[in-house]
Structure formats: structure tokens, C-alpha cells
C-alpha atoms as a PDB file:
ATOM      1  CA  MET A   1      -5.604 -16.192 -30.040  1.00  0.00           C
ATOM      2  CA  LEU A   2      -5.840 -12.818 -28.628  1.00  0.00           C
ATOM      3  CA  PRO A   3      -5.760  -9.189 -30.693  1.00  0.00           C
ATOM      4  CA  LYS A   4      -2.851  -7.469 -30.143  1.00  0.00           C
ATOM      5  CA  LEU A   5      -3.452  -4.874 -27.236  1.00  0.00           C
ATOM      6  CA  SER A   6      -2.321  -1.591 -27.010  1.00  0.00           C
ATOM      7  CA  PRO A   7      -1.578  -0.993 -23.441  1.00  0.00           C
ATOM      8  CA  LEU A   8      -1.556   2.481 -21.952  1.00  0.00           C
ATOM      9  CA  PRO A   9       1.553   3.936 -20.105  1.00  0.00           C
ATOM     10  CA  LEU A  10       1.161   3.373 -16.166  1.00  0.00           C
ATOM     11  CA  LYS A  11       0.923   7.513 -15.695  1.00  0.00           C
ATOM     12  CA  GLU A  12      -2.212   7.287 -17.695  1.00  0.00           C
ATOM     13  CA  ARG A  13      -4.138   4.526 -15.993  1.00  0.00           C
ATOM     14  CA  PHE A  14      -6.083   4.794 -13.420  1.00  0.00           C
ATOM     15  CA  SER A  15      -4.146   3.212 -10.158  1.00  0.00           C
ATOM     16  CA  LEU A  16      -6.336   1.034  -8.200  1.00  0.00           C
ATOM     17  CA  LEU A  17      -9.581  -0.684  -8.724  1.00  0.00           C
ATOM     18  CA  PHE A  18     -11.161  -2.845  -5.646  1.00  0.00           C
ATOM     19  CA  LEU A  19     -13.560  -5.835  -7.044  1.00  0.00           C
ATOM     20  CA  GLU A  20     -15.723  -8.338  -4.867  1.00  0.00           C
ATOM     21  CA  LYS A  21     -18.299 -10.736  -4.917  1.00  0.00           C
ATOM     22  CA  GLY A  22     -17.477 -11.956  -9.118  1.00  0.00           C
ATOM     23  CA  ARG A  23     -15.690 -13.754 -11.042  1.00  0.00           C
ATOM     24  CA  LEU A  24     -12.898 -11.957 -13.189  1.00  0.00           C
ATOM     25  CA  ASP A  25     -12.811 -13.592 -16.718  1.00  0.00           C
ATOM     26  CA  VAL A  26     -11.754 -12.275 -20.330  1.00  0.00           C
ATOM     27  CA  LYS A  27     -14.406 -11.442 -22.925  1.00  0.00           C
ATOM     28  CA  ASP A  28     -13.621 -10.329 -26.337  1.00  0.00           C
ATOM     29  CA  GLY A  29     -10.289  -9.974 -25.132  1.00  0.00           C
ATOM     30  CA  ALA A  30     -11.405  -7.510 -22.287  1.00  0.00           C
ATOM     31  CA  PHE A  31     -11.174  -8.029 -18.756  1.00  0.00           C
ATOM     32  CA  VAL A  32     -14.898  -8.256 -17.377  1.00  0.00           C
ATOM     33  CA  LEU A  33     -16.656  -9.237 -13.785  1.00  0.00           C
ATOM     34  CA  ILE A  34     -19.271 -11.483 -14.017  1.00  0.00           C
ATOM     35  CA  ASP A  35     -21.425 -11.595 -10.639  1.00  0.00           C
ATOM     36  CA  LYS A  36     -23.587 -14.175  -9.678  1.00  0.00           C
ATOM     37  CA  GLU A  37     -26.506 -12.754 -11.456  1.00  0.00           C
ATOM     38  CA  GLY A  38     -24.260 -13.105 -14.906  1.00  0.00           C
ATOM     39  CA  VAL A  39     -24.165  -9.397 -15.115  1.00  0.00           C
ATOM     40  CA  ARG A  40     -21.215  -8.394 -16.868  1.00  0.00           C
ATOM     41  CA  THR A  41     -19.294  -5.298 -15.759  1.00  0.00           C
ATOM     42  CA  HIS A  42     -16.294  -4.514 -18.143  1.00  0.00           C
ATOM     43  CA  ILE A  43     -12.582  -3.117 -16.974  1.00  0.00           C
ATOM     44  CA  PRO A  44     -10.814  -1.793 -19.840  1.00  0.00           C
ATOM     45  CA  VAL A  45      -7.507  -3.356 -20.726  1.00  0.00           C
ATOM     46  CA  GLY A  46      -4.431  -1.905 -19.895  1.00  0.00           C
ATOM     47  CA  GLY A  47      -6.790   1.013 -17.896  1.00  0.00           C
ATOM     48  CA  VAL A  48      -5.960  -0.224 -14.903  1.00  0.00           C
ATOM     49  CA  ALA A  49      -2.384  -0.337 -13.195  1.00  0.00           C
ATOM     50  CA  CYS A  50      -3.561  -3.131  -9.822  1.00  0.00           C
ATOM     51  CA  LEU A  51      -6.812  -4.805  -9.742  1.00  0.00           C
ATOM     52  CA  MET A  52      -7.425  -5.585  -5.772  1.00  0.00           C
ATOM     53  CA  LEU A  53      -9.425  -8.529  -5.673  1.00  0.00           C
ATOM     54  CA  GLU A  54     -11.685  -8.583  -2.392  1.00  0.00           C
ATOM     55  CA  PRO A  55     -13.553 -11.084  -0.463  1.00  0.00           C
ATOM     56  CA  GLY A  56     -15.736 -12.941  -2.903  1.00  0.00           C
ATOM     57  CA  SER A  57     -13.939 -12.446  -5.992  1.00  0.00           C
ATOM     58  CA  ARG A  58     -12.648 -15.238  -7.912  1.00  0.00           C
ATOM     59  CA  VAL A  59      -9.965 -15.453 -11.396  1.00  0.00           C
ATOM     60  CA  SER A  60      -9.641 -17.169 -14.398  1.00  0.00           C
ATOM     61  CA  HIS A  61      -6.867 -18.236 -15.827  1.00  0.00           C
ATOM     62  CA  ALA A  62      -7.519 -16.298 -19.009  1.00  0.00           C
ATOM     63  CA  ALA A  63      -7.743 -13.368 -16.913  1.00  0.00           C
ATOM     64  CA  ALA A  64      -4.507 -13.994 -14.639  1.00  0.00           C
ATOM     65  CA  VAL A  65      -2.672 -14.262 -18.348  1.00  0.00           C
ATOM     66  CA  LEU A  66      -4.249 -11.494 -19.682  1.00  0.00           C
ATOM     67  CA  ALA A  67      -3.037  -9.588 -16.590  1.00  0.00           C
ATOM     68  CA  ALA A  68       0.513 -10.466 -17.011  1.00  0.00           C
ATOM     69  CA  ARG A  69       0.055  -9.279 -20.886  1.00  0.00           C
ATOM     70  CA  ALA A  70      -1.538  -6.051 -19.636  1.00  0.00           C
ATOM     71  CA  GLY A  71       1.196  -5.515 -16.700  1.00  0.00           C
ATOM     72  CA  THR A  72      -1.570  -5.596 -14.563  1.00  0.00           C
ATOM     73  CA  LEU A  73      -0.826  -6.614 -11.115  1.00  0.00           C
ATOM     74  CA  LEU A  74      -3.426  -8.527  -9.220  1.00  0.00           C
ATOM     75  CA  VAL A  75      -3.365  -8.497  -5.230  1.00  0.00           C
ATOM     76  CA  TRP A  76      -5.647 -10.946  -3.023  1.00  0.00           C
ATOM     77  CA  THR A  77      -6.881  -8.457  -0.047  1.00  0.00           C
ATOM     78  CA  GLY A  78      -9.977  -7.790   2.374  1.00  0.00           C
ATOM     79  CA  GLU A  79     -12.306  -5.950   2.770  1.00  0.00           C
ATOM     80  CA  ALA A  80     -11.002  -2.402   1.367  1.00  0.00           C
ATOM     81  CA  GLY A  81      -7.620  -3.531   2.088  1.00  0.00           C
ATOM     82  CA  VAL A  82      -7.650  -4.569   5.485  1.00  0.00           C
ATOM     83  CA  ARG A  83      -5.086  -7.688   4.828  1.00  0.00           C
ATOM     84  CA  LEU A  84      -3.194  -8.158   1.963  1.00  0.00           C
ATOM     85  CA  TYR A  85      -2.980 -12.108   1.042  1.00  0.00           C
ATOM     86  CA  SER A  86      -1.148 -12.441  -1.755  1.00  0.00           C
ATOM     87  CA  ALA A  87      -0.041 -10.487  -5.017  1.00  0.00           C
ATOM     88  CA  GLY A  88       0.377 -11.940  -8.661  1.00  0.00           C
ATOM     89  CA  GLN A  89       3.281  -9.807  -9.804  1.00  0.00           C
ATOM     90  CA  PRO A  90       5.283  -8.573  -6.613  1.00  0.00           C
ATOM     91  CA  GLY A  91       7.676  -5.858  -7.379  1.00  0.00           C
ATOM     92  CA  GLY A  92       6.317  -4.948 -10.816  1.00  0.00           C
ATOM     93  CA  ALA A  93       7.611  -5.939 -14.397  1.00  0.00           C
ATOM     94  CA  ARG A  94      10.532  -3.942 -14.227  1.00  0.00           C
ATOM     95  CA  SER A  95      13.467  -3.176 -12.105  1.00  0.00           C
ATOM     96  CA  ASP A  96      14.456  -0.001 -12.269  1.00  0.00           C
ATOM     97  CA  LYS A  97      12.213   1.119  -8.761  1.00  0.00           C
ATOM     98  CA  LEU A  98      13.603  -1.442  -7.076  1.00  0.00           C
ATOM     99  CA  LEU A  99      17.148  -0.366  -7.725  1.00  0.00           C
ATOM    100  CA  TYR A 100      16.582   2.948  -7.293  1.00  0.00           C
ATOM    101  CA  GLN A 101      14.756   2.001  -3.785  1.00  0.00           C
ATOM    102  CA  ALA A 102      17.751   0.153  -2.773  1.00  0.00           C
ATOM    103  CA  SER A 103      20.268   2.487  -3.676  1.00  0.00           C
ATOM    104  CA  LEU A 104      18.639   5.091  -1.280  1.00  0.00           C
ATOM    105  CA  ALA A 105      19.029   2.870   1.183  1.00  0.00           C
ATOM    106  CA  LEU A 106      22.621   1.862   1.461  1.00  0.00           C
ATOM    107  CA  ASP A 107      23.662   5.785   0.801  1.00  0.00           C
ATOM    108  CA  PRO A 108      23.597   6.706   4.219  1.00  0.00           C
ATOM    109  CA  GLU A 109      23.270  10.604   3.381  1.00  0.00           C
ATOM    110  CA  ALA A 110      19.995   9.794   0.758  1.00  0.00           C
ATOM    111  CA  ARG A 111      18.543   7.383   3.751  1.00  0.00           C
ATOM    112  CA  LEU A 112      18.860  10.170   5.902  1.00  0.00           C
ATOM    113  CA  LYS A 113      16.937  12.112   3.857  1.00  0.00           C
ATOM    114  CA  VAL A 114      14.451  10.080   3.297  1.00  0.00           C
ATOM    115  CA  VAL A 115      13.727   9.346   7.330  1.00  0.00           C
ATOM    116  CA  ARG A 116      13.983  13.180   7.598  1.00  0.00           C
ATOM    117  CA  ALA A 117      11.140  13.705   5.216  1.00  0.00           C
ATOM    118  CA  MET A 118       9.047  10.646   6.730  1.00  0.00           C
ATOM    119  CA  PHE A 119       9.844  12.573   9.959  1.00  0.00           C
ATOM    120  CA  ALA A 120       8.272  15.694   8.919  1.00  0.00           C
ATOM    121  CA  MET A 121       5.322  14.211   6.781  1.00  0.00           C
ATOM    122  CA  ARG A 122       4.080  12.346  10.392  1.00  0.00           C
ATOM    123  CA  PHE A 123       4.369  15.405  12.232  1.00  0.00           C
ATOM    124  CA  GLY A 124       3.890  18.475  10.236  1.00  0.00           C
ATOM    125  CA  GLU A 125       7.508  19.635  11.020  1.00  0.00           C
ATOM    126  CA  PRO A 126      11.185  19.403  10.061  1.00  0.00           C
ATOM    127  CA  PRO A 127      13.364  17.163  12.477  1.00  0.00           C
ATOM    128  CA  PRO A 128      15.839  18.815  14.433  1.00  0.00           C
ATOM    129  CA  ALA A 129      19.132  19.423  12.206  1.00  0.00           C
ATOM    130  CA  ARG A 130      22.163  16.975  12.762  1.00  0.00           C
ATOM    131  CA  ARG A 131      20.434  14.182  13.754  1.00  0.00           C
ATOM    132  CA  SER A 132      21.239  10.709  13.250  1.00  0.00           C
ATOM    133  CA  VAL A 133      18.867   8.188  11.699  1.00  0.00           C
ATOM    134  CA  GLU A 134      18.733   6.674  15.277  1.00  0.00           C
ATOM    135  CA  GLN A 135      18.194   9.571  16.886  1.00  0.00           C
ATOM    136  CA  LEU A 136      15.514  10.681  14.809  1.00  0.00           C
ATOM    137  CA  ARG A 137      14.334   7.095  16.103  1.00  0.00           C
ATOM    138  CA  GLY A 138      14.008   7.693  19.662  1.00  0.00           C
ATOM    139  CA  LEU A 139      12.362  11.397  19.216  1.00  0.00           C
ATOM    140  CA  GLU A 140       9.604   9.691  17.022  1.00  0.00           C
ATOM    141  CA  GLY A 141       9.235   7.060  19.993  1.00  0.00           C
ATOM    142  CA  ALA A 142       9.044  10.116  22.322  1.00  0.00           C
ATOM    143  CA  ARG A 143       6.354  11.718  19.894  1.00  0.00           C
ATOM    144  CA  VAL A 144       4.455   8.452  19.830  1.00  0.00           C
ATOM    145  CA  ARG A 145       4.383   7.874  23.290  1.00  0.00           C
ATOM    146  CA  ALA A 146       2.796  11.390  23.780  1.00  0.00           C
ATOM    147  CA  LEU A 147       0.321  10.475  21.135  1.00  0.00           C
ATOM    148  CA  TYR A 148      -1.072   8.016  22.752  1.00  0.00           C
ATOM    149  CA  GLU A 149      -1.423   9.437  25.849  1.00  0.00           C
ATOM    150  CA  ASN A 150      -3.363  12.547  24.498  1.00  0.00           C
ATOM    151  CA  LEU A 151      -5.576   9.972  22.421  1.00  0.00           C
ATOM    152  CA  ALA A 152      -6.233   7.772  25.550  1.00  0.00           C
ATOM    153  CA  LYS A 153      -7.020  11.436  27.553  1.00  0.00           C
ATOM    154  CA  GLN A 154      -9.535  12.481  24.509  1.00  0.00           C
ATOM    155  CA  PHE A 155     -11.390   9.330  23.966  1.00  0.00           C
ATOM    156  CA  GLY A 156     -11.781   8.836  28.115  1.00  0.00           C
ATOM    157  CA  VAL A 157      -9.148   5.230  28.023  1.00  0.00           C
ATOM    158  CA  LYS A 158      -7.393   3.732  30.718  1.00  0.00           C
ATOM    159  CA  TRP A 159      -3.946   3.704  29.456  1.00  0.00           C
ATOM    160  CA  THR A 160      -0.572   2.639  30.316  1.00  0.00           C
ATOM    161  CA  ARG A 161       2.028   1.624  27.705  1.00  0.00           C
ATOM    162  CA  ARG A 162       1.591  -0.033  24.461  1.00  0.00           C
ATOM    163  CA  ASN A 163       1.956  -3.772  25.274  1.00  0.00           C
ATOM    164  CA  TYR A 164       1.271  -6.585  23.054  1.00  0.00           C
ATOM    165  CA  ASP A 165       1.904 -10.199  22.553  1.00  0.00           C
ATOM    166  CA  PRO A 166       1.106 -11.781  19.560  1.00  0.00           C
ATOM    167  CA  THR A 167       1.649 -15.306  20.798  1.00  0.00           C
ATOM    168  CA  ALA A 168      -0.996 -14.529  23.307  1.00  0.00           C
ATOM    169  CA  TRP A 169      -3.195 -12.330  21.842  1.00  0.00           C
ATOM    170  CA  ASN A 170      -6.047 -12.525  24.946  1.00  0.00           C
ATOM    171  CA  SER A 171      -3.337 -11.127  27.614  1.00  0.00           C
ATOM    172  CA  GLY A 172      -3.465  -8.008  26.151  1.00  0.00           C
ATOM    173  CA  ASP A 173      -5.526  -5.384  27.605  1.00  0.00           C
ATOM    174  CA  VAL A 174      -8.758  -4.119  25.102  1.00  0.00           C
ATOM    175  CA  VAL A 175      -6.862  -0.684  23.883  1.00  0.00           C
ATOM    176  CA  ASN A 176      -3.960  -2.512  22.982  1.00  0.00           C
ATOM    177  CA  ARG A 177      -6.174  -5.054  21.025  1.00  0.00           C
ATOM    178  CA  CYS A 178      -7.763  -2.563  19.439  1.00  0.00           C
ATOM    179  CA  LEU A 179      -4.441  -0.607  18.442  1.00  0.00           C
ATOM    180  CA  SER A 180      -3.130  -4.627  17.232  1.00  0.00           C
ATOM    181  CA  SER A 181      -6.339  -5.131  14.778  1.00  0.00           C
ATOM    182  CA  ALA A 182      -5.985  -1.276  13.518  1.00  0.00           C
ATOM    183  CA  THR A 183      -2.232  -1.484  12.905  1.00  0.00           C
ATOM    184  CA  SER A 184      -2.579  -4.555  11.317  1.00  0.00           C
ATOM    185  CA  CYS A 185      -5.425  -3.203   9.114  1.00  0.00           C
ATOM    186  CA  LEU A 186      -3.257  -0.569   7.765  1.00  0.00           C
ATOM    187  CA  TYR A 187       0.213  -2.488   7.196  1.00  0.00           C
ATOM    188  CA  GLY A 188      -2.131  -4.598   4.751  1.00  0.00           C
ATOM    189  CA  LEU A 189      -3.190  -1.712   2.640  1.00  0.00           C
ATOM    190  CA  SER A 190       0.058  -0.404   3.355  1.00  0.00           C
ATOM    191  CA  GLU A 191       1.590  -3.023   1.609  1.00  0.00           C
ATOM    192  CA  ALA A 192      -0.824  -3.255  -1.381  1.00  0.00           C
ATOM    193  CA  ALA A 193       0.111   0.160  -2.277  1.00  0.00           C
ATOM    194  CA  VAL A 194       4.206  -0.612  -2.057  1.00  0.00           C
ATOM    195  CA  LEU A 195       3.263  -3.376  -4.189  1.00  0.00           C
ATOM    196  CA  ALA A 196       1.404  -1.695  -6.637  1.00  0.00           C
ATOM    197  CA  ALA A 197       3.791   1.286  -6.719  1.00  0.00           C
ATOM    198  CA  GLY A 198       6.125  -1.157  -7.888  1.00  0.00           C
ATOM    199  CA  TYR A 199       9.015  -1.072  -4.460  1.00  0.00           C
ATOM    200  CA  ALA A 200      10.082  -4.008  -2.693  1.00  0.00           C
ATOM    201  CA  PRO A 201       8.243  -4.306   1.731  1.00  0.00           C
ATOM    202  CA  ALA A 202      11.202  -5.333   2.714  1.00  0.00           C
ATOM    203  CA  ILE A 203      13.607  -2.196   1.730  1.00  0.00           C
ATOM    204  CA  GLY A 204      12.895   0.181   4.279  1.00  0.00           C
ATOM    205  CA  PHE A 205      14.497   3.556   5.790  1.00  0.00           C
ATOM    206  CA  LEU A 206      13.508   3.958   9.149  1.00  0.00           C
ATOM    207  CA  HIS A 207      12.956   0.061  10.132  1.00  0.00           C
ATOM    208  CA  THR A 208      15.194  -2.265   8.503  1.00  0.00           C
ATOM    209  CA  GLY A 209      15.672  -5.782   8.758  1.00  0.00           C
ATOM    210  CA  LYS A 210      12.057  -7.229   8.841  1.00  0.00           C
ATOM    211  CA  PRO A 211      10.279  -8.912   5.369  1.00  0.00           C
ATOM    212  CA  ARG A 212       7.798  -5.686   5.775  1.00  0.00           C
ATOM    213  CA  SER A 213      10.269  -2.726   6.975  1.00  0.00           C
ATOM    214  CA  PHE A 214       9.135  -0.330   4.268  1.00  0.00           C
ATOM    215  CA  VAL A 215       5.289  -1.294   4.992  1.00  0.00           C
ATOM    216  CA  PHE A 216       5.812  -0.137   8.563  1.00  0.00           C
ATOM    217  CA  ASP A 217       7.916   3.311   7.359  1.00  0.00           C
ATOM    218  CA  ILE A 218       4.611   3.984   5.162  1.00  0.00           C
ATOM    219  CA  ALA A 219       2.231   2.977   7.626  1.00  0.00           C
ATOM    220  CA  ASP A 220       3.897   5.077  10.012  1.00  0.00           C
ATOM    221  CA  LEU A 221       3.033   8.059   7.799  1.00  0.00           C
ATOM    222  CA  PHE A 222      -0.636   7.925   8.414  1.00  0.00           C
ATOM    223  CA  LYS A 223      -1.334   5.874  11.436  1.00  0.00           C
ATOM    224  CA  PHE A 224      -2.162   8.467  13.578  1.00  0.00           C
ATOM    225  CA  GLU A 225      -4.458  10.492  11.475  1.00  0.00           C
ATOM    226  CA  THR A 226      -6.828   6.907  10.799  1.00  0.00           C
ATOM    227  CA  VAL A 227      -6.233   3.882  12.420  1.00  0.00           C
ATOM    228  CA  VAL A 228      -5.025   4.972  15.677  1.00  0.00           C
ATOM    229  CA  PRO A 229      -8.314   7.709  16.633  1.00  0.00           C
ATOM    230  CA  GLU A 230     -10.614   4.607  15.051  1.00  0.00           C
ATOM    231  CA  ALA A 231      -8.626   2.036  17.832  1.00  0.00           C
ATOM    232  CA  PHE A 232      -9.346   4.193  21.294  1.00  0.00           C
ATOM    233  CA  ARG A 233     -13.106   5.015  19.631  1.00  0.00           C
ATOM    234  CA  ILE A 234     -14.040   1.473  19.316  1.00  0.00           C
ATOM    235  CA  ALA A 235     -11.839   0.785  22.926  1.00  0.00           C
ATOM    236  CA  ALA A 236     -13.692   3.411  24.881  1.00  0.00           C
ATOM    237  CA  ARG A 237     -17.467   1.199  24.109  1.00  0.00           C
ATOM    238  CA  LYS A 238     -15.693  -1.626  25.748  1.00  0.00           C
ATOM    239  CA  PRO A 239     -16.862  -3.974  22.786  1.00  0.00           C
ATOM    240  CA  HIS A 240     -17.124  -7.613  23.505  1.00  0.00           C
ATOM    241  CA  ASP A 241     -15.421  -8.280  19.539  1.00  0.00           C
ATOM    242  CA  PRO A 242     -12.350  -5.557  20.223  1.00  0.00           C
ATOM    243  CA  GLU A 243     -10.518  -6.786  17.183  1.00  0.00           C
ATOM    244  CA  GLY A 244     -14.017  -7.731  14.456  1.00  0.00           C
ATOM    245  CA  GLN A 245     -15.393  -4.018  15.499  1.00  0.00           C
ATOM    246  CA  THR A 246     -12.063  -2.263  14.770  1.00  0.00           C
ATOM    247  CA  ARG A 247     -11.301  -3.983  11.857  1.00  0.00           C
ATOM    248  CA  ARG A 248     -14.818  -3.444  10.379  1.00  0.00           C
ATOM    249  CA  ALA A 249     -14.425   0.408  11.406  1.00  0.00           C
ATOM    250  CA  CYS A 250     -10.756   0.504   9.684  1.00  0.00           C
ATOM    251  CA  ARG A 251     -12.624  -1.253   6.356  1.00  0.00           C
ATOM    252  CA  ASP A 252     -15.164   1.341   6.522  1.00  0.00           C
ATOM    253  CA  SER A 253     -13.157   4.348   6.910  1.00  0.00           C
ATOM    254  CA  PHE A 254     -10.566   3.356   4.043  1.00  0.00           C
ATOM    255  CA  ARG A 255     -13.334   3.451   1.637  1.00  0.00           C
ATOM    256  CA  LYS A 256     -14.969   6.744   3.095  1.00  0.00           C
ATOM    257  CA  LYS A 257     -11.424   8.590   3.131  1.00  0.00           C
ATOM    258  CA  LYS A 258      -9.809   6.960  -0.226  1.00  0.00           C
ATOM    259  CA  LEU A 259      -6.637   6.604   1.711  1.00  0.00           C
ATOM    260  CA  LEU A 260      -5.226   4.101  -0.538  1.00  0.00           C
ATOM    261  CA  LYS A 261      -5.155   6.769  -3.395  1.00  0.00           C
ATOM    262  CA  ARG A 262      -2.696   9.123  -0.931  1.00  0.00           C
ATOM    263  CA  ILE A 263      -0.222   6.292  -0.023  1.00  0.00           C
ATOM    264  CA  ILE A 264       1.100   5.887  -3.267  1.00  0.00           C
ATOM    265  CA  PRO A 265       1.782   9.595  -3.969  1.00  0.00           C
ATOM    266  CA  ALA A 266       3.303   9.638  -0.507  1.00  0.00           C
ATOM    267  CA  ILE A 267       5.901   6.843  -1.373  1.00  0.00           C
ATOM    268  CA  GLU A 268       7.182   8.704  -4.107  1.00  0.00           C
ATOM    269  CA  ASP A 269       7.410  11.882  -2.387  1.00  0.00           C
ATOM    270  CA  ILE A 270       9.623  10.181   0.446  1.00  0.00           C
ATOM    271  CA  LEU A 271      11.602   8.774  -1.853  1.00  0.00           C
ATOM    272  CA  ALA A 272      12.179  11.859  -4.020  1.00  0.00           C
ATOM    273  CA  ALA A 273      13.499  13.071  -0.927  1.00  0.00           C
ATOM    274  CA  GLY A 274      16.935  11.395  -1.024  1.00  0.00           C
ATOM    275  CA  GLY A 275      18.099  13.022  -3.677  1.00  0.00           C
ATOM    276  CA  LYS A 276      18.471  10.568  -6.047  1.00  0.00           C
ATOM    277  CA  LYS A 277      16.993  10.045  -9.671  1.00  0.00           C
ATOM    278  CA  PRO A 278      16.104   6.400 -10.754  1.00  0.00           C
ATOM    279  CA  PRO A 279      18.465   4.447 -12.624  1.00  0.00           C
ATOM    280  CA  PRO A 280      17.673   4.650 -16.074  1.00  0.00           C
ATOM    281  CA  GLU A 281      16.348   1.064 -17.675  1.00  0.00           C
ATOM    282  CA  TYR A 282      19.349  -1.282 -18.411  1.00  0.00           C
ATOM    283  CA  GLU A 283      19.694  -1.990 -22.740  1.00  0.00           C
ATOM    284  CA  ASP A 284      19.094  -5.904 -22.006  1.00  0.00           C
ATOM    285  CA  ALA A 285      16.253  -5.315 -19.833  1.00  0.00           C
ATOM    286  CA  VAL A 286      13.036  -7.847 -19.987  1.00  0.00           C
ATOM    287  CA  LYS A 287      10.322  -5.989 -21.689  1.00  0.00           C
ATOM    288  CA  PRO A 288       7.000  -6.305 -21.211  1.00  0.00           C
ATOM    289  CA  ALA A 289       4.996  -9.586 -23.051  1.00  0.00           C
ATOM    290  CA  TYR A 290       3.797  -7.193 -25.930  1.00  0.00           C
ATOM    291  CA  GLN A 291       5.407  -3.440 -27.274  1.00  0.00           C
ATOM    292  CA  ASP A 292       3.697  -0.436 -28.185  1.00  0.00           C
ATOM    293  CA  PRO A 293       3.270  -0.555 -31.909  1.00  0.00           C
ATOM    294  CA  GLU A 294       4.550   2.704 -33.406  1.00  0.00           C
ATOM    295  CA  GLY A 295       2.172   4.921 -34.674  1.00  0.00           C
ATOM    296  CA  LEU A 296       1.470   5.740 -38.112  1.00  0.00           C
ATOM    297  CA  GLY A 297       0.512   9.274 -37.823  1.00  0.00           C
ATOM    298  CA  ASP A 298       2.343  12.480 -36.223  1.00  0.00           C
ATOM    299  CA  ALA A 299       2.980  12.624 -32.192  1.00  0.00           C
ATOM    300  CA  GLY A 300      -0.451  12.951 -30.530  1.00  0.00           C
ATOM    301  CA  HIS A 301      -2.031  10.815 -33.424  1.00  0.00           C
ATOM    302  CA  ARG A 302      -3.349   7.260 -32.451  1.00  0.00           C
ATOM    303  CA  GLY A 303      -2.796   4.524 -34.805  1.00  0.00           C
END
């Protein structure tokens, strides 16, 4: 039987840790990553909120059990999060954040505040006053079209319009294929961030009605400062493999700029703009698998 655990509060943990090319297992009650040479890298139990499992990683049954007990989310991703394949505990173990997100989306006034905050973050200035969500969506579309045209001129790429058919990949021109590949990478990373933060990918504010509406909302905040310029840069080279080169460029950019560290705080800031406080935890809410033991000493002491 594993010894009793004392997990840290989420706010005191590392938010995310990427693991690749090794087997995640449990030794002496702690996570370890064992590579092909048998070298063990210890990972503090309860010290990480989310483990991002990149290609080449395997997870033992004991590690999955320990992750559940420690409240550590397991997410299976592509390199640097350019794809999201599955998540071990979608939405986290508590319902308060999901209720908070839903209450904001269902309140027209709060939803408009969130959308206005997203507009301001995305374009660096507040949107015009007295505009509805639909009107802001129209303003955003006009600005996005202008941004595409400016980037095309900057990188010397012929540009007509954003056009792609997901059922006929090769029907698009090179720049549109690069853009589709780049945005797909950003959606993977953004969905991982949404899940790690404990929110629902489907409950969006500007985007609605899709399984990943909130993912699209969040990805749009970073799209034109990250993956879209990379897509135009790759397209300007006229590559033979536009999808692969763009995906690898996005992977390297995510790792270099540590984009994931910026996305989760941005999610919290955007939702806070709605002006509602998160609901208190219900008295009969399901608790974590183990509880923090009461300390024997005064506040501030361990044990």
C-alpha cells in the first residue's frame, strides 16, 4: 500500500511538465521517468498540476493511479503540444470552475464583458462602446482580414483570402495549407491549457456551438503573434512539405517562447473580466481521493 500523501495546493505547484521518450512509473511512492538506458528522473508527487506526455512516452498502471490520487492531470500531446490526443481527467476533479465558466457564458452581460476583454487583449486596445457580441465578431473579422493582408505583404506571399477545405487538404494554396497546419498546432496547445486549468473546451464566448469553442476563443488571443507569422514565413519558402515544416516550426516556437506558461494566466484574466466570483465549493462535493492531514503545529509549520 502506498504511503499517505500530502499534495500541495494547485496554486503552489509547477503548472505543467513535459515528458518524452521514457516510461512514467512509480518507484517508492513517487513518479519517475525511466529512459531506455534505465536512468530514472524523479518527479515530485503532488508538485506538478499537469504532466504533458509527448511522443515516445508510456505510462504504467501504477503511474495512472498515482496521478489520480495526487490530482495530477495526464495529457497526451504531440511534440511541444502541437496536438492534443487525450486527457486523463478532463475538467479536473472539482466542478466549481466549470460552473463559473458556464455562469459567465449564460449571462449576456458577463459574456459581453469577457468578449470585450478578449478583443482588447487580442488587438491591444478596447473595442468601441455599445457593441453587441455579434457586432464585435464582425469588427474582429475585418481586423483579421487586414492582418492577413499585412503579413502577406511583409513576407512577400501572394494572398487572396483565407480559404481551406478540411475534406480536400491539397486543394488549398500553399499559404492556406501552412495556416491550417499552424492553427491546428495552436489549437492543440490551447486545448491542453484549457484542460489543465480545469475548464470545459466546449463552453465558448465568441465562438459557440462547437466541441472546442473555448479553445478557439483562447487560441485567437495568441494566433497573430505566434503561429500565423510562422505560417507566412514558411509559405514564402515555397516548401515541398508545407504542413510538416510549419508544424515543426510551431513546435520549436512553442518551446522557445514557452507559450503555454502565458496561456493559462490569460484564461483566468479573461474570465475574471466577466465580473463574477467563482461559486463556492458545495458541501457535498466529491473530495480528492485523500485529504490534507491536519497539522499538529501552529499555522505555517509542517507536520
